[in-house]
Amino acid sequence: MQTRSKFFDDISQLMSNAMGVAQGAREEAETAVYSLIERWLADRDFVSREEFEAVRAMAQKAREENVALEDRIVKLEQRMKDQLGSEE
């Protein structure tokens, strides 16, 4: 009975070691793929999320300023038109 128990202990130990090796190989493969993707993206000159958001905020502010200036121009043109109309 004791030899049978030793056999199962050895098989159990072997399986545990194999699982540990498999887990380590998986982690190493994930790290390698992640590094490869990171290098590929860096070579493509993609912008980071932070840079994109900063440019987006600047564009939104510029749009808002353009709308305000357009409103101001319309009001000034109307005022000029009213002044010219009253002088005649």
PDB file of N, CA and C in Angstrom:
ATOM      1  N   MET A   1       0.821  -1.195   0.000  1.00  0.00           N
ATOM      2  CA  MET A   1       0.000   0.000   0.000  1.00  0.00           C
ATOM      3  C   MET A   1       0.864   1.258   0.000  1.00  0.00           C
ATOM      4  N   GLN A   2       1.984   1.161   0.677  1.00  0.00           N
ATOM      5  CA  GLN A   2       2.842   2.321   0.762  1.00  0.00           C
ATOM      6  C   GLN A   2       3.475   2.652  -0.590  1.00  0.00           C
ATOM      7  N   THR A   3       3.810   1.683  -1.409  1.00  0.00           N
ATOM      8  CA  THR A   3       4.387   1.940  -2.714  1.00  0.00           C
ATOM      9  C   THR A   3       3.371   2.626  -3.615  1.00  0.00           C
ATOM     10  N   ARG A   4       2.117   2.234  -3.468  1.00  0.00           N
ATOM     11  CA  ARG A   4       1.064   2.861  -4.264  1.00  0.00           C
ATOM     12  C   ARG A   4       0.915   4.333  -3.874  1.00  0.00           C
ATOM     13  N   SER A   5       0.967   4.641  -2.607  1.00  0.00           N
ATOM     14  CA  SER A   5       0.872   6.009  -2.123  1.00  0.00           C
ATOM     15  C   SER A   5       2.055   6.832  -2.624  1.00  0.00           C
ATOM     16  N   LYS A   6       3.237   6.240  -2.602  1.00  0.00           N
ATOM     17  CA  LYS A   6       4.430   6.928  -3.107  1.00  0.00           C
ATOM     18  C   LYS A   6       4.282   7.221  -4.591  1.00  0.00           C
ATOM     19  N   PHE A   7       3.724   6.264  -5.335  1.00  0.00           N
ATOM     20  CA  PHE A   7       3.500   6.454  -6.773  1.00  0.00           C
ATOM     21  C   PHE A   7       2.575   7.650  -7.019  1.00  0.00           C
ATOM     22  N   PHE A   8       1.463   7.709  -6.285  1.00  0.00           N
ATOM     23  CA  PHE A   8       0.519   8.816  -6.458  1.00  0.00           C
ATOM     24  C   PHE A   8       1.109  10.148  -6.008  1.00  0.00           C
ATOM     25  N   ASP A   9       1.922  10.110  -4.975  1.00  0.00           N
ATOM     26  CA  ASP A   9       2.611  11.325  -4.539  1.00  0.00           C
ATOM     27  C   ASP A   9       3.556  11.830  -5.632  1.00  0.00           C
ATOM     28  N   ASP A  10       4.270  10.910  -6.244  1.00  0.00           N
ATOM     29  CA  ASP A  10       5.191  11.300  -7.320  1.00  0.00           C
ATOM     30  C   ASP A  10       4.426  11.869  -8.522  1.00  0.00           C
ATOM     31  N   ILE A  11       3.326  11.224  -8.895  1.00  0.00           N
ATOM     32  CA  ILE A  11       2.504  11.717 -10.011  1.00  0.00           C
ATOM     33  C   ILE A  11       1.939  13.102  -9.672  1.00  0.00           C
ATOM     34  N   SER A  12       1.474  13.249  -8.461  1.00  0.00           N
ATOM     35  CA  SER A  12       0.930  14.533  -8.014  1.00  0.00           C
ATOM     36  C   SER A  12       2.004  15.621  -8.066  1.00  0.00           C
ATOM     37  N   GLN A  13       3.192  15.297  -7.608  1.00  0.00           N
ATOM     38  CA  GLN A  13       4.305  16.253  -7.631  1.00  0.00           C
ATOM     39  C   GLN A  13       4.669  16.613  -9.073  1.00  0.00           C
ATOM     40  N   LEU A  14       4.710  15.614  -9.941  1.00  0.00           N
ATOM     41  CA  LEU A  14       5.024  15.841 -11.347  1.00  0.00           C
ATOM     42  C   LEU A  14       3.988  16.759 -12.002  1.00  0.00           C
ATOM     43  N   MET A  15       2.716  16.515 -11.720  1.00  0.00           N
ATOM     44  CA  MET A  15       1.643  17.347 -12.283  1.00  0.00           C
ATOM     45  C   MET A  15       1.734  18.785 -11.747  1.00  0.00           C
ATOM     46  N   SER A  16       2.031  18.931 -10.476  1.00  0.00           N
ATOM     47  CA  SER A  16       2.172  20.274  -9.892  1.00  0.00           C
ATOM     48  C   SER A  16       3.319  21.029 -10.557  1.00  0.00           C
ATOM     49  N   ASN A  17       4.435  20.342 -10.745  1.00  0.00           N
ATOM     50  CA  ASN A  17       5.578  20.980 -11.403  1.00  0.00           C
ATOM     51  C   ASN A  17       5.252  21.355 -12.843  1.00  0.00           C
ATOM     52  N   ALA A  18       4.553  20.472 -13.535  1.00  0.00           N
ATOM     53  CA  ALA A  18       4.175  20.752 -14.926  1.00  0.00           C
ATOM     54  C   ALA A  18       3.259  21.965 -14.995  1.00  0.00           C
ATOM     55  N   MET A  19       2.332  22.077 -14.068  1.00  0.00           N
ATOM     56  CA  MET A  19       1.427  23.234 -14.043  1.00  0.00           C
ATOM     57  C   MET A  19       2.200  24.519 -13.768  1.00  0.00           C
ATOM     58  N   GLY A  20       3.179  24.449 -12.886  1.00  0.00           N
ATOM     59  CA  GLY A  20       4.005  25.622 -12.598  1.00  0.00           C
ATOM     60  C   GLY A  20       4.795  26.063 -13.824  1.00  0.00           C
ATOM     61  N   VAL A  21       5.349  25.090 -14.545  1.00  0.00           N
ATOM     62  CA  VAL A  21       6.104  25.403 -15.766  1.00  0.00           C
ATOM     63  C   VAL A  21       5.176  26.008 -16.817  1.00  0.00           C
ATOM     64  N   ALA A  22       3.985  25.424 -16.961  1.00  0.00           N
ATOM     65  CA  ALA A  22       3.020  25.935 -17.938  1.00  0.00           C
ATOM     66  C   ALA A  22       2.604  27.364 -17.592  1.00  0.00           C
ATOM     67  N   GLN A  23       2.384  27.632 -16.317  1.00  0.00           N
ATOM     68  CA  GLN A  23       2.002  28.981 -15.885  1.00  0.00           C
ATOM     69  C   GLN A  23       3.130  29.969 -16.171  1.00  0.00           C
ATOM     70  N   GLY A  24       4.356  29.580 -15.895  1.00  0.00           N
ATOM     71  CA  GLY A  24       5.488  30.454 -16.167  1.00  0.00           C
ATOM     72  C   GLY A  24       5.653  30.720 -17.652  1.00  0.00           C
ATOM     73  N   ALA A  25       5.455  29.701 -18.471  1.00  0.00           N
ATOM     74  CA  ALA A  25       5.556  29.874 -19.923  1.00  0.00           C
ATOM     75  C   ALA A  25       4.458  30.797 -20.430  1.00  0.00           C
ATOM     76  N   ARG A  26       3.267  30.663 -19.881  1.00  0.00           N
ATOM     77  CA  ARG A  26       2.152  31.527 -20.274  1.00  0.00           C
ATOM     78  C   ARG A  26       2.458  32.997 -19.951  1.00  0.00           C
ATOM     79  N   GLU A  27       2.942  33.245 -18.752  1.00  0.00           N
ATOM     80  CA  GLU A  27       3.275  34.616 -18.347  1.00  0.00           C
ATOM     81  C   GLU A  27       4.383  35.197 -19.222  1.00  0.00           C
ATOM     82  N   GLU A  28       5.379  34.368 -19.532  1.00  0.00           N
ATOM     83  CA  GLU A  28       6.478  34.830 -20.379  1.00  0.00           C
ATOM     84  C   GLU A  28       5.978  35.145 -21.789  1.00  0.00           C
ATOM     85  N   ALA A  29       5.092  34.311 -22.317  1.00  0.00           N
ATOM     86  CA  ALA A  29       4.529  34.546 -23.655  1.00  0.00           C
ATOM     87  C   ALA A  29       3.693  35.819 -23.663  1.00  0.00           C
ATOM     88  N   GLU A  30       2.893  36.034 -22.625  1.00  0.00           N
ATOM     89  CA  GLU A  30       2.080  37.254 -22.541  1.00  0.00           C
ATOM     90  C   GLU A  30       2.971  38.487 -22.520  1.00  0.00           C
ATOM     91  N   THR A  31       4.036  38.449 -21.748  1.00  0.00           N
ATOM     92  CA  THR A  31       4.965  39.577 -21.658  1.00  0.00           C
ATOM     93  C   THR A  31       5.617  39.851 -23.004  1.00  0.00           C
ATOM     94  N   ALA A  32       6.018  38.798 -23.698  1.00  0.00           N
ATOM     95  CA  ALA A  32       6.662  38.965 -25.003  1.00  0.00           C
ATOM     96  C   ALA A  32       5.694  39.559 -26.014  1.00  0.00           C
ATOM     97  N   VAL A  33       4.455  39.073 -26.036  1.00  0.00           N
ATOM     98  CA  VAL A  33       3.462  39.596 -26.981  1.00  0.00           C
ATOM     99  C   VAL A  33       3.139  41.045 -26.649  1.00  0.00           C
ATOM    100  N   TYR A  34       2.986  41.356 -25.374  1.00  0.00           N
ATOM    101  CA  TYR A  34       2.688  42.733 -24.958  1.00  0.00           C
ATOM    102  C   TYR A  34       3.814  43.674 -25.391  1.00  0.00           C
ATOM    103  N   SER A  35       5.059  43.262 -25.209  1.00  0.00           N
ATOM    104  CA  SER A  35       6.200  44.089 -25.615  1.00  0.00           C
ATOM    105  C   SER A  35       6.226  44.282 -27.125  1.00  0.00           C
ATOM    106  N   LEU A  36       5.943  43.217 -27.853  1.00  0.00           N
ATOM    107  CA  LEU A  36       5.912  43.299 -29.312  1.00  0.00           C
ATOM    108  C   LEU A  36       4.839  44.275 -29.787  1.00  0.00           C
ATOM    109  N   ILE A  37       3.670  44.194 -29.212  1.00  0.00           N
ATOM    110  CA  ILE A  37       2.577  45.107 -29.585  1.00  0.00           C
ATOM    111  C   ILE A  37       2.934  46.541 -29.221  1.00  0.00           C
ATOM    112  N   GLU A  38       3.521  46.735 -28.049  1.00  0.00           N
ATOM    113  CA  GLU A  38       3.921  48.080 -27.623  1.00  0.00           C
ATOM    114  C   GLU A  38       4.932  48.689 -28.595  1.00  0.00           C
ATOM    115  N   ARG A  39       5.925  47.912 -29.017  1.00  0.00           N
ATOM    116  CA  ARG A  39       6.924  48.401 -29.976  1.00  0.00           C
ATOM    117  C   ARG A  39       6.267  48.719 -31.318  1.00  0.00           C
ATOM    118  N   TRP A  40       5.365  47.855 -31.758  1.00  0.00           N
ATOM    119  CA  TRP A  40       4.678  48.064 -33.030  1.00  0.00           C
ATOM    120  C   TRP A  40       3.872  49.359 -32.995  1.00  0.00           C
ATOM    121  N   LEU A  41       3.148  49.582 -31.907  1.00  0.00           N
ATOM    122  CA  LEU A  41       2.349  50.810 -31.777  1.00  0.00           C
ATOM    123  C   LEU A  41       3.244  52.046 -31.708  1.00  0.00           C
ATOM    124  N   ALA A  42       4.363  51.938 -31.013  1.00  0.00           N
ATOM    125  CA  ALA A  42       5.278  53.079 -30.901  1.00  0.00           C
ATOM    126  C   ALA A  42       5.863  53.437 -32.261  1.00  0.00           C
ATOM    127  N   ASP A  43       6.124  52.438 -33.085  1.00  0.00           N
ATOM    128  CA  ASP A  43       6.665  52.692 -34.424  1.00  0.00           C
ATOM    129  C   ASP A  43       5.638  53.341 -35.343  1.00  0.00           C
ATOM    130  N   ARG A  44       4.374  53.244 -35.020  1.00  0.00           N
ATOM    131  CA  ARG A  44       3.309  53.790 -35.868  1.00  0.00           C
ATOM    132  C   ARG A  44       2.982  55.248 -35.538  1.00  0.00           C
ATOM    133  N   ASP A  45       3.637  55.831 -34.577  1.00  0.00           N
ATOM    134  CA  ASP A  45       3.423  57.223 -34.167  1.00  0.00           C
ATOM    135  C   ASP A  45       1.975  57.506 -33.770  1.00  0.00           C
ATOM    136  N   PHE A  46       1.334  56.553 -33.116  1.00  0.00           N
ATOM    137  CA  PHE A  46      -0.001  56.797 -32.593  1.00  0.00           C
ATOM    138  C   PHE A  46       0.119  57.741 -31.395  1.00  0.00           C
ATOM    139  N   VAL A  47      -0.907  58.538 -31.183  1.00  0.00           N
ATOM    140  CA  VAL A  47      -0.892  59.441 -30.038  1.00  0.00           C
ATOM    141  C   VAL A  47      -1.467  58.716 -28.829  1.00  0.00           C
ATOM    142  N   SER A  48      -1.073  59.193 -27.668  1.00  0.00           N
ATOM    143  CA  SER A  48      -1.613  58.604 -26.445  1.00  0.00           C
ATOM    144  C   SER A  48      -3.005  59.169 -26.198  1.00  0.00           C
ATOM    145  N   ARG A  49      -3.730  58.525 -25.321  1.00  0.00           N
ATOM    146  CA  ARG A  49      -5.084  58.980 -24.977  1.00  0.00           C
ATOM    147  C   ARG A  49      -5.030  60.385 -24.391  1.00  0.00           C
ATOM    148  N   GLU A  50      -4.007  60.672 -23.585  1.00  0.00           N
ATOM    149  CA  GLU A  50      -3.890  61.985 -22.962  1.00  0.00           C
ATOM    150  C   GLU A  50      -3.673  63.071 -24.018  1.00  0.00           C
ATOM    151  N   GLU A  51      -2.800  62.773 -24.999  1.00  0.00           N
ATOM    152  CA  GLU A  51      -2.562  63.749 -26.072  1.00  0.00           C
ATOM    153  C   GLU A  51      -3.828  63.979 -26.886  1.00  0.00           C
ATOM    154  N   PHE A  52      -4.545  62.907 -27.187  1.00  0.00           N
ATOM    155  CA  PHE A  52      -5.781  63.020 -27.946  1.00  0.00           C
ATOM    156  C   PHE A  52      -6.794  63.882 -27.201  1.00  0.00           C
ATOM    157  N   GLU A  53      -6.954  63.630 -25.916  1.00  0.00           N
ATOM    158  CA  GLU A  53      -7.918  64.396 -25.121  1.00  0.00           C
ATOM    159  C   GLU A  53      -7.519  65.868 -25.039  1.00  0.00           C
ATOM    160  N   ALA A  54      -6.230  66.162 -24.955  1.00  0.00           N
ATOM    161  CA  ALA A  54      -5.772  67.556 -24.894  1.00  0.00           C
ATOM    162  C   ALA A  54      -6.097  68.280 -26.204  1.00  0.00           C
ATOM    163  N   VAL A  55      -5.826  67.644 -27.329  1.00  0.00           N
ATOM    164  CA  VAL A  55      -6.122  68.271 -28.628  1.00  0.00           C
ATOM    165  C   VAL A  55      -7.626  68.415 -28.808  1.00  0.00           C
ATOM    166  N   ARG A  56      -8.362  67.423 -28.349  1.00  0.00           N
ATOM    167  CA  ARG A  56      -9.827  67.485 -28.446  1.00  0.00           C
ATOM    168  C   ARG A  56     -10.371  68.675 -27.645  1.00  0.00           C
ATOM    169  N   ALA A  57      -9.846  68.882 -26.460  1.00  0.00           N
ATOM    170  CA  ALA A  57     -10.281  70.007 -25.625  1.00  0.00           C
ATOM    171  C   ALA A  57      -9.939  71.334 -26.297  1.00  0.00           C
ATOM    172  N   MET A  58      -8.748  71.423 -26.915  1.00  0.00           N
ATOM    173  CA  MET A  58      -8.367  72.654 -27.614  1.00  0.00           C
ATOM    174  C   MET A  58      -9.299  72.912 -28.798  1.00  0.00           C
ATOM    175  N   ALA A  59      -9.656  71.877 -29.527  1.00  0.00           N
ATOM    176  CA  ALA A  59     -10.555  72.029 -30.676  1.00  0.00           C
ATOM    177  C   ALA A  59     -11.931  72.482 -30.216  1.00  0.00           C
ATOM    178  N   GLN A  60     -12.422  71.919 -29.116  1.00  0.00           N
ATOM    179  CA  GLN A  60     -13.731  72.319 -28.580  1.00  0.00           C
ATOM    180  C   GLN A  60     -13.713  73.789 -28.161  1.00  0.00           C
ATOM    181  N   LYS A  61     -12.636  74.208 -27.517  1.00  0.00           N
ATOM    182  CA  LYS A  61     -12.524  75.605 -27.094  1.00  0.00           C
ATOM    183  C   LYS A  61     -12.481  76.522 -28.315  1.00  0.00           C
ATOM    184  N   ALA A  62     -11.752  76.112 -29.358  1.00  0.00           N
ATOM    185  CA  ALA A  62     -11.669  76.914 -30.581  1.00  0.00           C
ATOM    186  C   ALA A  62     -13.040  77.030 -31.242  1.00  0.00           C
ATOM    187  N   ARG A  63     -13.802  75.924 -31.255  1.00  0.00           N
ATOM    188  CA  ARG A  63     -15.161  75.977 -31.824  1.00  0.00           C
ATOM    189  C   ARG A  63     -16.040  76.956 -31.052  1.00  0.00           C
ATOM    190  N   GLU A  64     -15.963  76.892 -29.739  1.00  0.00           N
ATOM    191  CA  GLU A  64     -16.759  77.787 -28.908  1.00  0.00           C
ATOM    192  C   GLU A  64     -16.370  79.254 -29.152  1.00  0.00           C
ATOM    193  N   GLU A  65     -15.082  79.523 -29.275  1.00  0.00           N
ATOM    194  CA  GLU A  65     -14.622  80.878 -29.557  1.00  0.00           C
ATOM    195  C   GLU A  65     -15.094  81.337 -30.938  1.00  0.00           C
ATOM    196  N   ASN A  66     -15.089  80.448 -31.916  1.00  0.00           N
ATOM    197  CA  ASN A  66     -15.569  80.799 -33.259  1.00  0.00           C
ATOM    198  C   ASN A  66     -17.051  81.155 -33.244  1.00  0.00           C
ATOM    199  N   VAL A  67     -17.838  80.409 -32.497  1.00  0.00           N
ATOM    200  CA  VAL A  67     -19.272  80.706 -32.392  1.00  0.00           C
ATOM    201  C   VAL A  67     -19.474  82.067 -31.736  1.00  0.00           C
ATOM    202  N   ALA A  68     -18.715  82.340 -30.681  1.00  0.00           N
ATOM    203  CA  ALA A  68     -18.840  83.631 -29.992  1.00  0.00           C
ATOM    204  C   ALA A  68     -18.446  84.776 -30.930  1.00  0.00           C
ATOM    205  N   LEU A  69     -17.360  84.598 -31.694  1.00  0.00           N
ATOM    206  CA  LEU A  69     -16.936  85.638 -32.634  1.00  0.00           C
ATOM    207  C   LEU A  69     -17.950  85.828 -33.745  1.00  0.00           C
ATOM    208  N   GLU A  70     -18.523  84.742 -34.214  1.00  0.00           N
ATOM    209  CA  GLU A  70     -19.542  84.842 -35.266  1.00  0.00           C
ATOM    210  C   GLU A  70     -20.751  85.627 -34.765  1.00  0.00           C
ATOM    211  N   ASP A  71     -21.188  85.344 -33.552  1.00  0.00           N
ATOM    212  CA  ASP A  71     -22.305  86.098 -32.965  1.00  0.00           C
ATOM    213  C   ASP A  71     -21.957  87.575 -32.846  1.00  0.00           C
ATOM    214  N   ARG A  72     -20.734  87.838 -32.426  1.00  0.00           N
ATOM    215  CA  ARG A  72     -20.298  89.228 -32.274  1.00  0.00           C
ATOM    216  C   ARG A  72     -20.287  89.953 -33.626  1.00  0.00           C
ATOM    217  N   ILE A  73     -19.815  89.279 -34.669  1.00  0.00           N
ATOM    218  CA  ILE A  73     -19.779  89.879 -36.009  1.00  0.00           C
ATOM    219  C   ILE A  73     -21.194  90.172 -36.495  1.00  0.00           C
ATOM    220  N   VAL A  74     -22.097  89.217 -36.282  1.00  0.00           N
ATOM    221  CA  VAL A  74     -23.493  89.430 -36.706  1.00  0.00           C
ATOM    222  C   VAL A  74     -24.082  90.646 -36.005  1.00  0.00           C
ATOM    223  N   LYS A  75     -23.842  90.797 -34.722  1.00  0.00           N
ATOM    224  CA  LYS A  75     -24.358  91.942 -33.976  1.00  0.00           C
ATOM    225  C   LYS A  75     -23.748  93.252 -34.470  1.00  0.00           C
ATOM    226  N   LEU A  76     -22.421  93.239 -34.728  1.00  0.00           N
ATOM    227  CA  LEU A  76     -21.772  94.456 -35.229  1.00  0.00           C
ATOM    228  C   LEU A  76     -22.291  94.825 -36.615  1.00  0.00           C
ATOM    229  N   GLU A  77     -22.484  93.842 -37.472  1.00  0.00           N
ATOM    230  CA  GLU A  77     -23.024  94.119 -38.809  1.00  0.00           C
ATOM    231  C   GLU A  77     -24.432  94.673 -38.715  1.00  0.00           C
ATOM    232  N   GLN A  78     -25.224  94.130 -37.807  1.00  0.00           N
ATOM    233  CA  GLN A  78     -26.588  94.636 -37.638  1.00  0.00           C
ATOM    234  C   GLN A  78     -26.567  96.064 -37.113  1.00  0.00           C
ATOM    235  N   ARG A  79     -25.667  96.351 -36.201  1.00  0.00           N
ATOM    236  CA  ARG A  79     -25.562  97.704 -35.655  1.00  0.00           C
ATOM    237  C   ARG A  79     -25.125  98.689 -36.735  1.00  0.00           C
ATOM    238  N   MET A  80     -24.169  98.249 -37.580  1.00  0.00           N
ATOM    239  CA  MET A  80     -23.731  99.117 -38.674  1.00  0.00           C
ATOM    240  C   MET A  80     -24.869  99.350 -39.654  1.00  0.00           C
ATOM    241  N   LYS A  81     -25.595  98.314 -39.945  1.00  0.00           N
ATOM    242  CA  LYS A  81     -26.730  98.429 -40.858  1.00  0.00           C
ATOM    243  C   LYS A  81     -27.778  99.387 -40.299  1.00  0.00           C
ATOM    244  N   ASP A  82     -28.057  99.279 -39.009  1.00  0.00           N
ATOM    245  CA  ASP A  82     -29.035 100.163 -38.361  1.00  0.00           C
ATOM    246  C   ASP A  82     -28.551 101.607 -38.391  1.00  0.00           C
ATOM    247  N   GLN A  83     -27.251 101.827 -38.138  1.00  0.00           N
ATOM    248  CA  GLN A  83     -26.700 103.178 -38.146  1.00  0.00           C
ATOM    249  C   GLN A  83     -26.752 103.774 -39.557  1.00  0.00           C
ATOM    250  N   LEU A  84     -26.392 103.002 -40.548  1.00  0.00           N
ATOM    251  CA  LEU A  84     -26.432 103.501 -41.933  1.00  0.00           C
ATOM    252  C   LEU A  84     -27.868 103.780 -42.372  1.00  0.00           C
ATOM    253  N   GLY A  85     -28.787 102.965 -41.933  1.00  0.00           N
ATOM    254  CA  GLY A  85     -30.188 103.148 -42.288  1.00  0.00           C
ATOM    255  C   GLY A  85     -30.798 104.378 -41.648  1.00  0.00           C
ATOM    256  N   SER A  86     -30.361 104.708 -40.451  1.00  0.00           N
ATOM    257  CA  SER A  86     -30.913 105.875 -39.753  1.00  0.00           C
ATOM    258  C   SER A  86     -30.293 107.180 -40.259  1.00  0.00           C
ATOM    259  N   GLU A  87     -29.123 107.134 -40.906  1.00  0.00           N
ATOM    260  CA  GLU A  87     -28.471 108.334 -41.410  1.00  0.00           C
ATOM    261  C   GLU A  87     -29.091 108.786 -42.720  1.00  0.00           C
ATOM    262  N   GLU A  88     -29.767 107.912 -43.415  1.00  0.00           N
ATOM    263  CA  GLU A  88     -30.325 108.279 -44.719  1.00  0.00           C
ATOM    264  C   GLU A  88     -31.565 109.034 -44.612  1.00  0.00           C
TER     265      GLU A  88
END
